[in-house]
N, C-alpha and C. Protein backbone atom coordinates (compact mmCIF):
# COMPACT_ATOMS: atom_id res chain seq x y z
N MET A 1 -12.55 -11.67 4.62
CA MET A 1 -11.46 -11.39 5.32
C MET A 1 -10.18 -12.08 3.53
N ALA A 2 -9.14 -11.20 3.67
CA ALA A 2 -8.20 -11.65 2.74
C ALA A 2 -7.74 -13.25 3.39
N THR A 3 -7.54 -14.01 2.79
CA THR A 3 -6.77 -15.07 3.21
C THR A 3 -5.36 -15.22 2.99
N THR A 4 -4.82 -14.56 2.16
CA THR A 4 -3.18 -14.32 1.72
C THR A 4 -2.55 -13.38 2.91
N GLU A 5 -1.78 -14.35 3.20
CA GLU A 5 -0.70 -14.04 4.18
C GLU A 5 0.26 -13.03 4.09
N PRO A 6 0.47 -11.99 4.74
CA PRO A 6 1.47 -10.98 4.85
C PRO A 6 3.16 -11.63 4.24
N VAL A 7 3.72 -11.00 3.53
CA VAL A 7 5.10 -11.03 3.39
C VAL A 7 5.82 -10.29 4.26
N GLU A 8 6.45 -10.94 5.25
CA GLU A 8 7.52 -10.14 6.34
C GLU A 8 8.20 -9.66 5.28
N VAL A 9 8.89 -8.41 5.38
CA VAL A 9 9.73 -7.44 5.23
C VAL A 9 10.46 -6.54 5.78
N GLY A 10 11.98 -6.32 5.21
CA GLY A 10 12.90 -5.39 5.78
C GLY A 10 12.26 -3.37 5.77
N LEU A 11 12.25 -2.77 6.31
CA LEU A 11 12.20 -1.09 5.90
C LEU A 11 13.02 -1.02 4.81
N ASP A 12 14.25 -1.63 4.61
CA ASP A 12 15.29 -1.10 3.33
C ASP A 12 14.11 -1.97 2.36
N GLU A 13 13.89 -2.99 2.18
CA GLU A 13 13.18 -3.74 0.99
C GLU A 13 12.23 -2.51 0.57
N ALA A 14 11.27 -1.97 1.65
CA ALA A 14 10.09 -1.45 1.23
C ALA A 14 10.83 -0.14 0.59
N ILE A 15 11.81 0.42 1.05
CA ILE A 15 12.21 1.41 0.83
C ILE A 15 12.60 1.48 -0.74
N ALA A 16 13.30 0.13 -0.99
CA ALA A 16 13.50 -0.16 -2.34
C ALA A 16 12.93 -0.22 -3.47
N ARG A 17 11.50 -0.42 -3.19
CA ARG A 17 10.43 -0.88 -3.63
C ARG A 17 9.59 0.63 -4.31
N ALA A 18 9.54 1.22 -3.37
CA ALA A 18 9.19 2.67 -3.29
C ALA A 18 10.22 3.46 -4.15
N ALA A 19 11.34 3.40 -4.03
CA ALA A 19 12.51 4.12 -5.05
C ALA A 19 11.98 3.77 -6.29
N CYS A 20 11.57 2.40 -6.63
CA CYS A 20 11.75 2.09 -8.10
C CYS A 20 9.97 2.53 -8.87
N LEU A 21 9.45 3.03 -7.84
CA LEU A 21 8.24 3.85 -8.18
C LEU A 21 8.77 5.63 -8.46
N ALA A 22 9.49 6.03 -7.94
CA ALA A 22 10.00 7.41 -7.82
C ALA A 22 10.91 7.66 -9.39
N VAL A 23 10.40 7.17 -10.37
CA VAL A 23 11.42 7.89 -11.32
C VAL A 23 11.04 9.51 -12.13
N PRO A 24 11.70 10.12 -11.98
CA PRO A 24 11.56 11.34 -12.36
C PRO A 24 10.89 11.18 -14.19
N GLY A 25 10.52 12.34 -14.25
CA GLY A 25 9.34 12.65 -15.32
C GLY A 25 8.25 12.17 -15.65
N ARG A 26 7.72 10.88 -14.69
CA ARG A 26 6.26 10.44 -14.50
C ARG A 26 5.72 10.33 -13.25
N ARG A 27 4.67 10.84 -13.16
CA ARG A 27 4.14 10.59 -11.22
C ARG A 27 3.14 9.19 -11.53
N ARG A 28 3.60 8.92 -10.11
CA ARG A 28 2.82 7.73 -9.93
C ARG A 28 2.04 8.02 -8.24
N ILE A 29 1.60 7.30 -8.11
CA ILE A 29 0.86 7.38 -6.42
C ILE A 29 1.34 5.46 -6.14
N LEU A 30 1.79 5.84 -4.98
CA LEU A 30 1.64 4.64 -4.13
C LEU A 30 0.64 4.53 -2.88
N GLY A 31 0.06 3.79 -2.44
CA GLY A 31 -1.15 3.85 -1.39
C GLY A 31 -0.86 3.03 -0.98
N ILE A 32 -0.75 3.20 0.94
CA ILE A 32 -0.43 2.02 1.89
C ILE A 32 -2.02 2.42 2.98
N VAL A 33 -2.07 0.88 3.08
CA VAL A 33 -3.72 0.61 3.35
C VAL A 33 -3.38 -0.02 4.29
N GLY A 34 -4.11 0.21 5.69
CA GLY A 34 -4.62 -0.84 6.67
C GLY A 34 -5.29 -0.53 7.85
N ALA A 35 -5.55 -1.51 8.75
CA ALA A 35 -6.36 -0.82 9.75
C ALA A 35 -5.90 0.01 10.61
N PRO A 36 -6.56 0.95 11.43
CA PRO A 36 -6.43 1.58 12.55
C PRO A 36 -4.98 1.40 13.42
N GLY A 37 -3.65 1.37 13.88
CA GLY A 37 -2.71 1.37 14.21
C GLY A 37 -1.97 0.27 13.52
N ALA A 38 -2.18 0.23 11.99
CA ALA A 38 -1.00 -0.90 11.72
C ALA A 38 0.28 -0.17 11.24
N GLY A 39 0.52 0.83 11.17
CA GLY A 39 1.48 1.98 11.36
C GLY A 39 1.67 2.52 9.89
N LYS A 40 0.43 2.50 9.01
CA LYS A 40 0.17 3.03 7.68
C LYS A 40 1.14 4.48 7.88
N SER A 41 0.94 5.32 8.79
CA SER A 41 1.35 6.48 9.05
C SER A 41 3.40 6.87 9.15
N THR A 42 3.79 5.51 9.88
CA THR A 42 4.99 5.27 10.26
C THR A 42 5.30 4.63 9.01
N LEU A 43 5.08 4.40 8.14
CA LEU A 43 5.68 3.65 7.13
C LEU A 43 5.73 4.80 5.85
N ALA A 44 4.82 5.32 5.84
CA ALA A 44 4.66 6.64 4.84
C ALA A 44 5.46 6.95 5.09
N GLU A 45 5.64 8.03 6.27
CA GLU A 45 6.70 8.90 6.53
C GLU A 45 7.99 8.72 6.30
N GLN A 46 8.47 7.37 6.98
CA GLN A 46 9.77 6.63 6.84
C GLN A 46 10.06 6.49 5.11
N LEU A 47 8.97 6.21 3.98
CA LEU A 47 9.51 6.01 2.72
C LEU A 47 10.11 7.72 2.43
N VAL A 48 8.99 8.51 2.52
CA VAL A 48 9.11 9.86 2.23
C VAL A 48 10.49 10.35 2.50
N ARG A 49 11.29 10.42 3.98
CA ARG A 49 12.01 10.76 4.55
C ARG A 49 13.26 10.17 3.40
N ALA A 50 13.47 8.73 3.28
CA ALA A 50 14.03 8.25 2.70
C ALA A 50 14.63 8.58 1.30
N LEU A 51 13.58 8.85 0.72
CA LEU A 51 13.48 9.12 -0.82
C LEU A 51 13.86 10.96 -0.99
N GLY A 52 13.51 11.24 0.24
CA GLY A 52 13.72 13.05 0.12
C GLY A 52 12.99 13.81 -0.61
N SER A 53 12.80 14.94 -0.12
CA SER A 53 11.63 15.63 -0.62
C SER A 53 11.73 15.78 -2.31
N GLU A 54 12.65 15.76 -2.56
CA GLU A 54 12.54 16.04 -4.06
C GLU A 54 11.71 15.03 -5.13
N ARG A 55 11.85 13.63 -4.24
CA ARG A 55 11.38 12.31 -4.98
C ARG A 55 10.13 12.21 -4.43
N ALA A 56 9.60 12.43 -3.29
CA ALA A 56 8.12 11.79 -2.60
C ALA A 56 7.54 12.75 -1.93
N VAL A 57 6.44 13.07 -1.93
CA VAL A 57 5.63 13.83 -0.96
C VAL A 57 4.47 13.25 -0.71
N LEU A 58 3.98 13.11 0.62
CA LEU A 58 2.81 12.80 1.67
C LEU A 58 1.59 13.40 1.57
N VAL A 59 0.41 12.73 1.13
CA VAL A 59 -0.57 12.91 0.87
C VAL A 59 -1.73 12.17 1.52
N PRO A 60 -2.00 12.25 3.08
CA PRO A 60 -2.30 11.28 3.62
C PRO A 60 -4.06 11.43 3.14
N MET A 61 -4.71 10.36 3.57
CA MET A 61 -6.37 10.35 3.19
C MET A 61 -7.20 10.86 4.16
N ASP A 62 -6.56 11.04 5.26
CA ASP A 62 -7.22 11.73 6.25
C ASP A 62 -7.54 13.32 6.57
N GLY A 63 -6.74 13.88 5.13
CA GLY A 63 -7.32 15.72 5.30
C GLY A 63 -8.80 15.36 4.77
N TYR A 64 -8.97 14.04 4.48
CA TYR A 64 -10.51 14.17 4.02
C TYR A 64 -11.59 13.76 5.19
N HIS A 65 -11.07 13.82 6.31
CA HIS A 65 -12.24 13.28 7.30
C HIS A 65 -13.28 14.38 6.83
N LEU A 66 -14.51 14.71 7.17
CA LEU A 66 -15.35 15.59 7.14
C LEU A 66 -15.24 16.12 8.77
N ALA A 67 -15.55 17.62 8.83
CA ALA A 67 -15.44 18.30 9.75
C ALA A 67 -16.22 17.95 11.04
N ASN A 68 -15.90 18.06 12.35
CA ASN A 68 -16.60 17.71 13.56
C ASN A 68 -18.45 18.03 13.30
N THR A 69 -18.37 19.24 13.07
CA THR A 69 -19.68 20.08 12.83
C THR A 69 -20.49 19.39 11.60
N VAL A 70 -19.78 18.89 10.54
CA VAL A 70 -21.10 18.13 9.77
C VAL A 70 -21.18 17.07 10.29
N LEU A 71 -20.20 15.97 11.23
CA LEU A 71 -20.41 15.08 11.84
C LEU A 71 -21.46 15.13 12.67
N GLU A 72 -21.47 15.98 13.59
CA GLU A 72 -22.69 16.29 14.57
C GLU A 72 -23.88 16.26 13.43
N ASP A 73 -23.82 17.15 12.52
CA ASP A 73 -24.88 17.33 11.85
C ASP A 73 -25.62 15.96 11.26
N LEU A 74 -24.98 15.18 11.21
CA LEU A 74 -25.28 14.13 10.52
C LEU A 74 -25.31 12.64 11.35
N GLY A 75 -25.16 13.17 12.46
CA GLY A 75 -25.18 11.72 13.66
C GLY A 75 -24.53 11.07 13.82
N ARG A 76 -23.12 11.79 13.36
CA ARG A 76 -21.80 10.24 13.28
C ARG A 76 -21.05 10.74 13.90
N ARG A 77 -20.70 11.81 14.86
CA ARG A 77 -19.72 12.26 15.80
C ARG A 77 -19.19 11.04 16.37
N ASP A 78 -19.61 10.23 17.00
CA ASP A 78 -19.35 9.23 17.79
C ASP A 78 -18.72 8.26 17.08
N ARG A 79 -18.83 8.15 16.16
CA ARG A 79 -18.24 6.92 14.91
C ARG A 79 -17.23 7.60 14.18
N LYS A 80 -16.40 8.80 14.39
CA LYS A 80 -15.63 9.21 13.25
C LYS A 80 -14.24 8.45 13.52
N GLY A 81 -14.32 8.03 11.86
CA GLY A 81 -13.13 7.22 11.23
C GLY A 81 -13.80 6.16 10.77
N ALA A 82 -15.29 5.91 10.46
CA ALA A 82 -15.94 5.34 9.96
C ALA A 82 -16.08 5.49 8.51
N VAL A 83 -16.38 4.49 7.61
CA VAL A 83 -15.84 4.81 5.94
C VAL A 83 -16.54 5.99 5.71
N ASP A 84 -17.80 6.18 6.55
CA ASP A 84 -18.84 7.42 5.71
C ASP A 84 -18.53 8.74 6.47
N THR A 85 -17.60 8.69 7.18
CA THR A 85 -16.86 9.76 7.92
C THR A 85 -15.89 10.40 7.29
N PHE A 86 -15.86 10.38 5.86
CA PHE A 86 -14.59 10.88 5.23
C PHE A 86 -15.45 11.32 3.64
N ASP A 87 -14.95 12.36 3.21
CA ASP A 87 -15.01 12.96 2.14
C ASP A 87 -14.55 11.94 0.92
N ASP A 88 -15.36 11.05 0.13
CA ASP A 88 -14.48 9.84 -0.78
C ASP A 88 -14.47 10.37 -2.19
N ALA A 89 -15.56 11.08 -2.43
CA ALA A 89 -15.30 12.11 -3.72
C ALA A 89 -14.56 13.23 -3.88
N GLY A 90 -14.17 14.03 -2.88
CA GLY A 90 -13.17 14.78 -2.74
C GLY A 90 -11.86 14.27 -3.24
N PHE A 91 -11.65 12.98 -2.09
CA PHE A 91 -10.29 12.55 -1.79
C PHE A 91 -10.09 11.98 -3.15
N ALA A 92 -11.00 11.36 -3.99
CA ALA A 92 -10.65 10.57 -5.32
C ALA A 92 -10.35 11.32 -6.47
N SER A 93 -11.43 13.04 -6.14
CA SER A 93 -11.09 14.15 -6.99
C SER A 93 -9.61 14.59 -6.73
N LEU A 94 -9.03 14.74 -5.71
CA LEU A 94 -7.93 15.06 -5.48
C LEU A 94 -6.58 14.12 -6.26
N LEU A 95 -6.74 12.76 -5.93
CA LEU A 95 -5.89 11.60 -6.76
C LEU A 95 -6.03 11.61 -7.78
N GLU A 96 -7.13 11.92 -8.51
CA GLU A 96 -7.15 12.14 -9.91
C GLU A 96 -6.25 13.20 -10.98
N ARG A 97 -6.36 14.52 -9.83
CA ARG A 97 -5.26 15.84 -10.25
C ARG A 97 -4.10 15.86 -9.99
N LEU A 98 -3.53 14.59 -9.16
CA LEU A 98 -2.54 14.64 -8.90
C LEU A 98 -2.08 13.39 -10.05
N HIS A 99 -2.66 12.55 -9.93
CA HIS A 99 -2.20 11.56 -10.80
C HIS A 99 -2.04 12.31 -12.32
N ALA A 100 -2.75 13.11 -12.99
CA ALA A 100 -2.99 13.80 -13.90
C ALA A 100 -1.94 14.77 -14.43
N GLN A 101 -1.06 15.74 -12.98
CA GLN A 101 -0.56 16.23 -13.10
C GLN A 101 1.03 16.18 -13.77
N ARG A 102 1.17 17.07 -14.30
CA ARG A 102 2.56 16.76 -15.52
C ARG A 102 3.91 17.20 -14.88
N PRO A 103 5.17 16.69 -15.23
CA PRO A 103 6.37 17.49 -14.49
C PRO A 103 6.50 18.51 -14.77
N ASP A 104 6.32 19.20 -15.70
CA ASP A 104 6.64 20.36 -15.97
C ASP A 104 5.39 21.41 -15.69
N ALA A 105 4.88 21.16 -14.85
CA ALA A 105 3.16 21.93 -14.69
C ALA A 105 3.60 23.14 -13.98
N VAL A 106 3.21 24.42 -14.26
CA VAL A 106 3.33 25.26 -13.27
C VAL A 106 2.45 25.60 -12.16
N GLU A 107 1.21 24.99 -12.40
CA GLU A 107 0.47 24.92 -11.01
C GLU A 107 0.96 23.80 -10.09
N ILE A 108 0.58 24.34 -8.68
CA ILE A 108 1.21 23.46 -7.65
C ILE A 108 -0.29 23.08 -6.96
N ILE A 109 -0.48 22.00 -6.78
CA ILE A 109 -1.80 21.48 -6.55
C ILE A 109 -1.74 21.48 -4.57
N TYR A 110 -2.83 21.81 -3.92
CA TYR A 110 -2.68 21.98 -2.71
C TYR A 110 -3.64 21.01 -1.98
N ALA A 111 -3.04 20.17 -1.02
CA ALA A 111 -4.03 19.36 -0.43
C ALA A 111 -4.10 19.37 1.30
N PRO A 112 -5.03 19.00 1.44
CA PRO A 112 -5.30 19.22 3.14
C PRO A 112 -4.42 18.20 3.56
N HIS A 113 -4.76 18.63 5.07
CA HIS A 113 -4.05 17.86 6.03
C HIS A 113 -4.73 17.55 7.17
N PHE A 114 -4.56 16.73 8.04
CA PHE A 114 -5.23 16.46 9.06
C PHE A 114 -4.71 16.49 10.40
N ARG A 115 -5.01 17.61 11.52
CA ARG A 115 -4.40 17.72 13.03
C ARG A 115 -4.93 16.93 13.45
N ARG A 116 -4.25 15.92 14.68
CA ARG A 116 -4.53 15.32 14.87
C ARG A 116 -4.75 15.84 16.68
N ASP A 117 -4.12 16.82 17.05
CA ASP A 117 -4.00 17.62 18.30
C ASP A 117 -5.80 18.48 17.94
N LEU A 118 -6.03 18.87 16.99
CA LEU A 118 -7.35 19.91 16.58
C LEU A 118 -8.76 19.01 16.43
N GLU A 119 -8.17 17.26 15.55
CA GLU A 119 -8.96 16.44 15.54
C GLU A 119 -9.85 17.24 14.33
N GLU A 120 -9.21 18.26 13.30
CA GLU A 120 -9.78 18.36 12.31
C GLU A 120 -9.05 18.80 11.27
N PRO A 121 -9.49 18.89 9.69
CA PRO A 121 -8.71 18.86 8.89
C PRO A 121 -8.61 20.33 8.79
N ILE A 122 -7.19 20.35 7.89
CA ILE A 122 -7.02 21.77 7.56
C ILE A 122 -6.50 22.13 6.28
N GLY A 123 -7.38 22.59 5.40
CA GLY A 123 -7.23 22.88 4.10
C GLY A 123 -6.18 23.52 3.33
N SER A 124 -5.52 22.97 2.08
CA SER A 124 -4.11 23.86 1.33
C SER A 124 -3.27 23.80 2.26
N ALA A 125 -2.92 22.56 2.90
CA ALA A 125 -1.83 22.60 3.84
C ALA A 125 -0.27 21.67 3.18
N GLN A 126 -0.55 21.44 1.98
CA GLN A 126 0.21 20.32 1.67
C GLN A 126 0.61 20.66 0.20
N PRO A 127 1.64 21.29 -0.49
CA PRO A 127 2.01 21.80 -1.34
C PRO A 127 2.43 20.78 -2.37
N VAL A 128 1.74 19.94 -3.51
CA VAL A 128 2.56 18.79 -4.52
C VAL A 128 3.11 19.49 -5.65
N PRO A 129 4.33 19.85 -6.11
CA PRO A 129 4.85 20.35 -7.35
C PRO A 129 4.52 19.25 -8.28
N GLY A 130 4.46 19.67 -9.87
CA GLY A 130 4.74 18.80 -10.30
C GLY A 130 6.04 17.92 -10.74
N HIS A 131 7.05 18.44 -10.37
CA HIS A 131 8.20 17.40 -10.50
C HIS A 131 8.32 16.37 -9.95
N ILE A 132 7.86 16.10 -8.93
CA ILE A 132 7.86 15.28 -7.59
C ILE A 132 7.56 13.72 -8.38
N PRO A 133 8.24 12.94 -8.60
CA PRO A 133 7.71 11.70 -9.22
C PRO A 133 6.88 10.92 -8.54
N LEU A 134 6.43 10.88 -7.05
CA LEU A 134 5.80 9.91 -6.41
C LEU A 134 5.06 10.69 -4.97
N VAL A 135 3.92 10.19 -4.92
CA VAL A 135 2.95 10.57 -4.23
C VAL A 135 2.29 9.77 -3.48
N ILE A 136 2.75 9.76 -2.61
CA ILE A 136 2.73 8.57 -1.02
C ILE A 136 1.65 8.82 -0.28
N THR A 137 -0.14 8.13 -0.69
CA THR A 137 -0.91 8.49 0.43
C THR A 137 -1.07 7.36 0.89
N GLU A 138 -1.73 7.83 2.15
CA GLU A 138 -1.91 6.35 2.92
C GLU A 138 -3.25 6.73 3.62
N GLY A 139 -4.40 5.33 4.35
CA GLY A 139 -5.46 5.37 4.47
C GLY A 139 -5.95 4.12 4.76
N ASN A 140 -7.35 4.04 5.35
CA ASN A 140 -7.75 2.99 5.96
C ASN A 140 -8.73 2.74 4.47
N TYR A 141 -9.11 3.06 4.12
CA TYR A 141 -10.21 3.04 2.83
C TYR A 141 -10.10 2.98 1.31
N LEU A 142 -8.61 3.25 1.26
CA LEU A 142 -8.35 3.18 -0.02
C LEU A 142 -8.74 1.91 -0.81
N LEU A 143 -9.04 0.83 -0.56
CA LEU A 143 -9.22 -0.34 -1.51
C LEU A 143 -10.88 -0.52 -1.08
N GLN A 144 -11.71 -0.18 -0.88
CA GLN A 144 -13.05 -0.07 -0.36
C GLN A 144 -13.62 -0.48 -2.06
N ASP A 145 -14.56 -0.90 -2.06
CA ASP A 145 -15.63 -1.14 -3.45
C ASP A 145 -16.59 -0.19 -3.49
N SER A 146 -17.06 0.57 -2.51
CA SER A 146 -18.55 1.74 -2.97
C SER A 146 -18.24 2.58 -2.61
N GLY A 147 -18.85 3.79 -2.91
CA GLY A 147 -19.29 4.93 -3.12
C GLY A 147 -17.96 5.44 -4.10
N ALA A 148 -17.33 6.56 -3.56
CA ALA A 148 -15.95 6.88 -4.81
C ALA A 148 -14.85 6.07 -4.63
N TRP A 149 -14.70 5.04 -3.80
CA TRP A 149 -13.46 4.61 -3.32
C TRP A 149 -12.91 3.96 -4.25
N PRO A 150 -13.51 3.10 -5.38
CA PRO A 150 -12.79 2.62 -6.56
C PRO A 150 -12.16 3.65 -7.34
N ARG A 151 -12.68 4.53 -7.75
CA ARG A 151 -12.13 5.79 -8.43
C ARG A 151 -10.42 6.07 -7.39
N VAL A 152 -10.90 6.20 -6.17
CA VAL A 152 -9.14 6.08 -5.29
C VAL A 152 -8.24 4.85 -6.04
N ARG A 153 -8.61 3.82 -6.00
CA ARG A 153 -7.93 2.49 -6.10
C ARG A 153 -7.95 2.96 -7.42
N ALA A 154 -7.98 3.14 -8.36
CA ALA A 154 -7.73 3.01 -9.64
C ALA A 154 -6.95 3.98 -10.06
N CYS A 155 -6.47 5.30 -9.14
CA CYS A 155 -5.33 5.99 -9.34
C CYS A 155 -3.82 5.48 -8.71
N LEU A 156 -4.01 3.97 -8.00
CA LEU A 156 -2.80 3.94 -7.54
C LEU A 156 -1.88 2.98 -8.08
N ASP A 157 -0.68 3.73 -8.34
CA ASP A 157 -0.02 2.60 -9.52
C ASP A 157 0.24 1.18 -8.50
N GLU A 158 0.29 1.33 -7.23
CA GLU A 158 0.67 0.34 -6.78
C GLU A 158 0.06 0.61 -4.99
N ALA A 159 -0.51 -0.44 -4.35
CA ALA A 159 -1.13 -0.52 -2.99
C ALA A 159 -0.73 -1.74 -2.36
N TRP A 160 -0.21 -1.20 -1.20
CA TRP A 160 0.48 -1.96 -0.25
C TRP A 160 -0.38 -1.83 0.90
N PHE A 161 -1.08 -3.40 1.51
CA PHE A 161 -1.56 -3.49 2.46
C PHE A 161 -0.82 -3.61 3.75
N ILE A 162 -0.75 -3.29 4.77
CA ILE A 162 -0.01 -3.63 6.36
C ILE A 162 -0.76 -4.49 7.16
N ALA A 163 -0.38 -5.64 7.45
CA ALA A 163 -1.13 -6.48 8.52
C ALA A 163 0.01 -6.99 9.42
N PRO A 164 -0.25 -6.02 10.79
CA PRO A 164 0.54 -6.53 11.65
C PRO A 164 0.01 -6.89 12.77
N ASP A 165 0.68 -7.76 13.77
CA ASP A 165 -0.21 -8.94 14.40
C ASP A 165 -0.77 -8.19 15.23
N GLU A 166 -1.94 -8.61 15.56
CA GLU A 166 -2.90 -7.82 16.16
C GLU A 166 -3.05 -7.36 17.56
N PRO A 167 -2.13 -8.01 18.18
CA PRO A 167 -1.83 -7.37 19.97
C PRO A 167 -1.48 -6.27 19.40
N LEU A 168 -0.01 -6.01 18.49
CA LEU A 168 0.34 -4.69 18.80
C LEU A 168 -0.14 -3.84 18.12
N ARG A 169 -1.23 -4.14 17.03
CA ARG A 169 -1.99 -3.21 16.26
C ARG A 169 -3.05 -2.54 17.42
N HIS A 170 -3.36 -3.69 18.36
CA HIS A 170 -4.38 -2.83 19.42
C HIS A 170 -3.62 -1.94 20.66
N ALA A 171 -2.48 -2.54 20.86
CA ALA A 171 -1.71 -1.66 21.96
C ALA A 171 -1.06 -0.30 21.40
N ARG A 172 -0.69 -0.65 19.98
CA ARG A 172 -0.56 0.97 19.14
C ARG A 172 -1.59 1.97 19.80
N LEU A 173 -2.83 1.36 19.07
CA LEU A 173 -3.64 2.04 18.54
C LEU A 173 -4.04 3.00 19.96
N ILE A 174 -4.20 1.88 21.57
CA ILE A 174 -4.74 2.13 23.01
C ILE A 174 -3.62 3.59 22.86
N GLU A 175 -2.40 3.10 22.90
CA GLU A 175 -1.29 4.40 22.89
C GLU A 175 -1.47 5.34 22.59
N ARG A 176 -1.98 5.61 21.05
CA ARG A 176 -2.43 6.48 20.34
C ARG A 176 -3.52 7.38 20.87
N HIS A 177 -4.52 6.99 21.17
CA HIS A 177 -5.47 7.62 21.72
C HIS A 177 -5.33 7.87 22.94
N GLU A 178 -4.32 7.41 24.32
CA GLU A 178 -4.14 8.10 24.88
C GLU A 178 -3.34 9.45 24.95
N ARG A 179 -2.05 9.11 24.41
CA ARG A 179 -1.31 10.16 23.91
C ARG A 179 -2.54 11.31 23.06
N TYR A 180 -3.56 11.44 22.82
CA TYR A 180 -4.37 12.39 22.32
C TYR A 180 -5.35 12.84 23.36
N GLY A 181 -5.31 12.79 24.25
CA GLY A 181 -6.33 13.01 25.31
C GLY A 181 -7.37 11.85 25.82
N LYS A 182 -7.54 10.55 25.35
CA LYS A 182 -8.36 9.60 26.21
C LYS A 182 -7.86 9.17 27.50
N SER A 183 -8.48 8.29 28.14
CA SER A 183 -8.36 8.02 29.28
C SER A 183 -8.13 6.36 28.92
N ALA A 184 -7.60 5.84 29.90
CA ALA A 184 -6.88 4.81 29.41
C ALA A 184 -8.14 3.71 29.49
N ALA A 185 -9.42 3.82 29.84
CA ALA A 185 -10.59 3.14 29.79
C ALA A 185 -11.15 3.45 28.21
N GLU A 186 -11.74 5.13 28.15
CA GLU A 186 -11.90 5.65 26.93
C GLU A 186 -10.75 4.97 25.58
N ALA A 187 -9.78 4.92 26.06
CA ALA A 187 -8.64 4.25 24.85
C ALA A 187 -9.32 2.83 24.39
N ARG A 188 -8.93 2.34 25.16
CA ARG A 188 -9.35 0.61 25.25
C ARG A 188 -10.81 0.31 24.49
N ARG A 189 -11.73 1.06 24.91
CA ARG A 189 -13.41 1.45 24.20
C ARG A 189 -13.02 1.43 22.99
N TRP A 190 -12.56 2.50 23.14
CA TRP A 190 -12.66 3.12 21.40
C TRP A 190 -11.57 1.99 20.41
N ALA A 191 -10.71 1.68 20.73
CA ALA A 191 -9.95 0.63 19.75
C ALA A 191 -10.78 -0.61 19.75
N LEU A 192 -11.16 -1.09 20.81
CA LEU A 192 -11.64 -2.53 20.86
C LEU A 192 -13.43 -2.18 20.58
N GLY A 193 -13.95 -1.19 19.99
CA GLY A 193 -15.04 -1.30 19.88
C GLY A 193 -15.31 -0.43 18.50
N SER A 194 -15.22 1.01 18.42
CA SER A 194 -15.20 1.53 16.86
C SER A 194 -14.07 0.90 16.00
N ASP A 195 -13.08 1.12 16.44
CA ASP A 195 -12.09 1.00 15.70
C ASP A 195 -12.01 -0.39 15.35
N GLN A 196 -12.25 -1.27 16.02
CA GLN A 196 -12.36 -2.62 15.53
C GLN A 196 -13.32 -3.05 14.43
N ARG A 197 -14.53 -2.31 14.47
CA ARG A 197 -15.53 -2.56 13.43
C ARG A 197 -15.18 -2.24 12.30
N ASN A 198 -14.64 -0.97 12.28
CA ASN A 198 -13.77 -0.49 11.06
C ASN A 198 -12.87 -0.97 10.59
N ALA A 199 -12.02 -1.96 11.35
CA ALA A 199 -11.05 -2.61 10.64
C ALA A 199 -10.98 -3.95 10.55
N GLU A 200 -12.38 -4.47 10.39
CA GLU A 200 -12.60 -5.73 10.31
C GLU A 200 -13.37 -5.25 8.50
N LEU A 201 -14.26 -4.33 8.21
CA LEU A 201 -14.44 -3.95 7.09
C LEU A 201 -13.03 -3.29 5.85
N ILE A 202 -12.06 -2.94 6.42
CA ILE A 202 -10.89 -2.89 6.26
C ILE A 202 -9.79 -3.62 5.62
N GLU A 203 -9.85 -4.79 6.41
CA GLU A 203 -9.04 -6.10 6.62
C GLU A 203 -9.91 -6.72 5.20
N ALA A 204 -10.94 -6.82 5.02
CA ALA A 204 -11.61 -7.55 3.89
C ALA A 204 -11.44 -7.14 2.79
N SER A 205 -11.04 -5.55 2.36
CA SER A 205 -10.58 -5.31 1.21
C SER A 205 -8.73 -5.42 0.99
N ALA A 206 -8.11 -6.39 1.70
CA ALA A 206 -6.98 -6.84 1.36
C ALA A 206 -6.61 -7.29 0.11
N ALA A 207 -7.46 -8.03 0.08
CA ALA A 207 -7.11 -8.87 -1.18
C ALA A 207 -6.84 -7.75 -2.77
N ARG A 208 -7.29 -6.63 -2.61
CA ARG A 208 -7.43 -5.71 -3.51
C ARG A 208 -5.98 -5.08 -3.33
N ALA A 209 -5.18 -5.51 -2.70
CA ALA A 209 -3.73 -4.83 -2.46
C ALA A 209 -2.65 -5.53 -3.89
N ASP A 210 -1.53 -4.99 -3.87
CA ASP A 210 -0.56 -5.34 -4.87
C ASP A 210 0.16 -6.14 -3.84
N TRP A 211 0.46 -5.94 -3.08
CA TRP A 211 1.45 -6.57 -1.83
C TRP A 211 1.19 -6.23 -0.58
N ILE A 212 0.81 -7.27 0.55
CA ILE A 212 0.24 -7.73 1.63
C ILE A 212 1.25 -7.47 2.45
N ILE A 213 1.83 -7.02 3.53
CA ILE A 213 3.44 -6.92 4.48
C ILE A 213 2.98 -6.76 5.74
N ARG A 214 4.24 -7.29 6.23
CA ARG A 214 4.32 -6.95 7.57
C ARG A 214 5.88 -6.41 8.06
N ILE A 215 5.99 -5.41 8.13
CA ILE A 215 7.33 -4.93 8.64
C ILE A 215 8.07 -5.49 9.64
N ARG A 216 8.92 -6.30 9.25
CA ARG A 216 9.86 -6.81 10.41
C ARG A 216 10.18 -5.81 11.65
């Protein structure tokens, strides 16, 4: 576990820091990392909304979930969300392409998107033109040191680790599971079981971030 205490910051401060990365004429990638329920997606969406669609685009890691049929064949369907239930090499290759994309590139790169209502990734769902200076990606495992994950970290010009209070994170996670169809008992069992085991692995990677934060 990382021993560095998170810095409490306001949303405006986070937006200002992201804006410094969104410099026209140069592609940068910002990675937002944290355990399930940390608020990664919310912060990433807020940053993109604040910066505008001509300055930032969101490409989440969740688009590289392995499909349910693949997870069933591998015997991993009951722990979907674990580090070995993602196509880490595919995600790393996408980020390498995005990092190398020139501002004047004619080619548009298409990234996948994860549909929570379907619990499946959808390919080629997010277009990324070359002129957008900042790609924001968010996910659980961007700072892991196994498999292809170090290639992911190498593509991040800056990595932020979100470390909210644990009771708040658990409450968000349980509510999210219920919202997508689990019973209250199932939601709590999943959040405090499989999700918690994943969280412990994720939190151990926090020291590899550039900024460990708690959003006020």
